[in-house]
Amino acid sequence: MASYSEEDLVAEATTSIGGSDQVLAAGVFGLQDLLGAAMVGSAAGGAVGDVVGGGAGNLAGAVLGGIAAKRAYAESQGMTLQLIVALTAAHIFVLNRDSDGRLPDVVATFDRPTCEVTINKLGLSRIVHLKDGASGETLVLTGTTMPLSQLAKGDQVVVQLLAS
């Protein structure tokens, strides 16, 4: 698995976008729609675990089912579970991470001057709504500000720059 340090995320994003723009900040975010997929997958996995042996099997099935469902849903949308949001002076790049070449590096690109950005708080999570002013394309992502999370530092910098 790749590193989560801010410097490593910026370097990874720079490589993914081809070094055409200077990356000012980068953080790891996820597709907001994954919660529903996880709930369905957990229910199905838990049911299988219950049939197999109940108890610990039920819990293991629920966890593995949730992860498998999230991954399958993300990939059906052309995305990985972890996405890098990279900011340059002119663009917001949403990049796949650790796809092993199965998916394109760039998921979406938004022009910063015309992109409508809305940031909502949900506990320690930040829900980032991106809407392209010209095409109307939208993408909703989640990040974290949880102090103990290794993802928080990059996410916080990205959220602060998007909010300004």
Protein backbone atom coordinates (compact mmCIF):
# COMPACT_ATOMS: atom_id res chain seq x y z
CA MET A 1 0.00 0.00 0.00
CA ALA A 2 1.22 3.45 -0.81
CA SER A 3 2.24 6.08 1.73
CA TYR A 4 -0.11 8.63 3.27
CA SER A 5 2.38 11.40 4.03
CA GLU A 6 1.51 14.73 2.47
CA GLU A 7 4.80 14.83 0.50
CA ASP A 8 4.29 11.32 -0.87
CA LEU A 9 0.69 12.09 -1.87
CA VAL A 10 1.82 15.23 -3.72
CA ALA A 11 4.55 13.22 -5.48
CA GLU A 12 2.09 10.44 -6.39
CA ALA A 13 -0.41 12.98 -7.73
CA THR A 14 2.30 14.79 -9.73
CA THR A 15 3.23 11.49 -11.39
CA SER A 16 -0.42 10.64 -12.14
CA ILE A 17 -1.15 13.99 -13.82
CA GLY A 18 2.09 13.89 -15.75
CA GLY A 19 3.84 16.73 -13.96
CA SER A 20 2.03 19.30 -16.11
CA ASP A 21 0.94 21.42 -13.12
CA GLN A 22 2.51 22.01 -9.70
CA VAL A 23 0.47 20.13 -7.11
CA LEU A 24 -0.24 22.43 -4.15
CA ALA A 25 -1.94 19.84 -1.94
CA ALA A 26 -3.18 16.26 -2.09
CA GLY A 27 -5.31 14.09 0.19
CA VAL A 28 -6.95 10.67 0.17
CA PHE A 29 -10.72 10.73 -0.20
CA GLY A 30 -13.40 8.17 -0.98
CA LEU A 31 -16.50 8.09 -3.11
CA GLN A 32 -19.39 9.17 -0.88
CA ASP A 33 -21.78 6.55 -2.30
CA LEU A 34 -19.74 3.69 -0.82
CA LEU A 35 -21.71 3.69 2.44
CA GLY A 36 -24.80 2.18 0.81
CA ALA A 37 -22.75 -0.48 -0.96
CA ALA A 38 -21.01 -1.38 2.30
CA MET A 39 -24.33 -1.80 4.10
CA VAL A 40 -25.71 -4.14 1.42
CA GLY A 41 -22.46 -6.12 1.26
CA SER A 42 -22.28 -6.42 5.04
CA ALA A 43 -25.82 -7.74 5.22
CA ALA A 44 -25.15 -10.34 2.53
CA GLY A 45 -21.80 -11.34 4.03
CA GLY A 46 -23.31 -11.59 7.48
CA ALA A 47 -26.04 -13.88 6.19
CA VAL A 48 -23.45 -16.16 4.58
CA GLY A 49 -21.39 -16.13 7.79
CA ASP A 50 -24.48 -17.07 9.77
CA VAL A 51 -25.10 -20.09 7.53
CA VAL A 52 -21.45 -21.17 7.71
CA GLY A 53 -21.07 -21.03 11.46
CA GLY A 54 -22.62 -18.00 13.10
CA GLY A 55 -20.86 -15.89 15.73
CA ALA A 56 -17.38 -15.00 14.49
CA GLY A 57 -18.25 -16.26 11.00
CA ASN A 58 -21.17 -13.87 10.91
CA LEU A 59 -18.93 -10.92 11.85
CA ALA A 60 -16.16 -11.91 9.43
CA GLY A 61 -18.68 -12.38 6.64
CA ALA A 62 -20.20 -8.97 7.30
CA VAL A 63 -16.81 -7.22 7.28
CA LEU A 64 -15.52 -9.01 4.17
CA GLY A 65 -18.86 -8.60 2.41
CA GLY A 66 -18.83 -4.85 3.09
CA ILE A 67 -15.29 -4.44 1.76
CA ALA A 68 -15.99 -6.52 -1.34
CA ALA A 69 -19.19 -4.62 -2.09
CA LYS A 70 -17.49 -1.23 -1.67
CA ARG A 71 -14.66 -2.23 -3.98
CA ALA A 72 -17.03 -3.67 -6.60
CA TYR A 73 -19.20 -0.55 -6.53
CA ALA A 74 -16.24 1.83 -6.76
CA GLU A 75 -14.77 -0.10 -9.68
CA SER A 76 -18.16 -0.17 -11.43
CA GLN A 77 -17.93 3.64 -11.34
CA GLY A 78 -14.38 3.54 -12.77
CA MET A 79 -12.81 4.33 -9.39
CA THR A 80 -10.71 2.76 -6.69
CA LEU A 81 -11.65 2.73 -3.01
CA GLN A 82 -9.06 5.39 -2.29
CA LEU A 83 -8.97 8.47 -4.48
CA ILE A 84 -6.40 11.23 -4.38
CA VAL A 85 -7.77 14.75 -4.64
CA ALA A 86 -4.93 16.92 -5.92
CA LEU A 87 -5.11 20.69 -6.20
CA THR A 88 -3.13 22.84 -8.58
CA ALA A 89 -3.56 26.56 -9.14
CA ALA A 90 -5.90 25.89 -12.08
CA HIS A 91 -7.40 22.43 -11.50
CA ILE A 92 -8.87 19.93 -9.08
CA PHE A 93 -7.81 16.43 -10.08
CA VAL A 94 -9.52 13.31 -8.76
CA LEU A 95 -7.15 10.38 -9.23
CA ASN A 96 -7.42 6.63 -8.79
CA ARG A 97 -5.00 5.06 -6.36
CA ASP A 98 -3.49 1.57 -6.41
CA SER A 99 -5.48 0.36 -9.42
CA ASP A 100 -2.61 -1.77 -10.75
CA GLY A 101 -3.39 -0.44 -14.24
CA ARG A 102 -6.99 -1.72 -14.22
CA LEU A 103 -8.41 1.80 -14.24
CA PRO A 104 -7.27 5.13 -15.67
CA ASP A 105 -5.20 7.37 -13.40
CA VAL A 106 -7.46 10.42 -13.79
CA VAL A 107 -11.10 10.02 -12.71
CA ALA A 108 -12.15 13.64 -13.18
CA THR A 109 -10.69 17.09 -13.66
CA PHE A 110 -12.42 20.30 -12.59
CA ASP A 111 -11.35 23.86 -13.37
CA ARG A 112 -10.85 25.53 -9.99
CA PRO A 113 -12.14 28.98 -11.05
CA THR A 114 -15.48 27.60 -12.32
CA CYS A 115 -15.97 24.58 -10.04
CA GLU A 116 -18.69 24.96 -7.43
CA VAL A 117 -17.39 23.49 -4.18
CA THR A 118 -19.59 22.77 -1.17
CA ILE A 119 -18.13 21.26 1.98
CA ASN A 120 -20.38 19.76 4.65
CA LYS A 121 -19.38 18.40 8.05
CA LEU A 122 -20.53 15.02 9.28
CA GLY A 123 -18.78 14.42 12.58
CA LEU A 124 -15.08 14.24 11.79
CA SER A 125 -15.79 13.57 8.12
CA ARG A 126 -15.94 16.20 5.42
CA ILE A 127 -18.29 15.71 2.50
CA VAL A 128 -16.92 17.54 -0.53
CA HIS A 129 -19.35 18.27 -3.38
CA LEU A 130 -17.67 19.23 -6.66
CA LYS A 131 -19.79 20.56 -9.53
CA ASP A 132 -18.30 21.66 -12.83
CA GLY A 133 -19.76 25.04 -13.77
CA ALA A 134 -19.65 24.36 -17.51
CA SER A 135 -20.67 20.69 -17.87
CA GLY A 136 -22.68 20.23 -14.67
CA GLU A 137 -20.65 17.08 -13.85
CA THR A 138 -20.76 16.36 -10.13
CA LEU A 139 -18.75 14.21 -7.77
CA VAL A 140 -19.28 13.78 -4.04
CA LEU A 141 -16.34 12.61 -1.94
CA THR A 142 -15.62 12.05 1.74
CA GLY A 143 -12.47 12.84 3.67
CA THR A 144 -11.51 12.94 7.33
CA THR A 145 -10.25 15.41 9.88
CA MET A 146 -9.91 12.80 12.65
CA PRO A 147 -6.74 13.81 14.54
CA LEU A 148 -5.38 10.25 14.87
CA SER A 149 -5.98 9.31 11.24
CA GLN A 150 -2.99 9.15 8.91
CA LEU A 151 -5.28 10.53 6.19
CA ALA A 152 -6.29 13.68 8.08
CA LYS A 153 -3.33 15.95 7.36
CA GLY A 154 -3.59 15.86 3.57
CA ASP A 155 -7.39 15.94 3.68
CA GLN A 156 -7.40 18.99 5.94
CA VAL A 157 -5.07 20.94 3.63
CA VAL A 158 -7.18 20.06 0.58
CA VAL A 159 -10.42 21.02 2.36
CA GLN A 160 -8.94 24.33 3.55
CA LEU A 161 -7.75 25.25 0.06
CA LEU A 162 -11.07 24.26 -1.50
CA ALA A 163 -12.95 26.37 1.06
CA SER A 164 -10.87 29.49 0.41
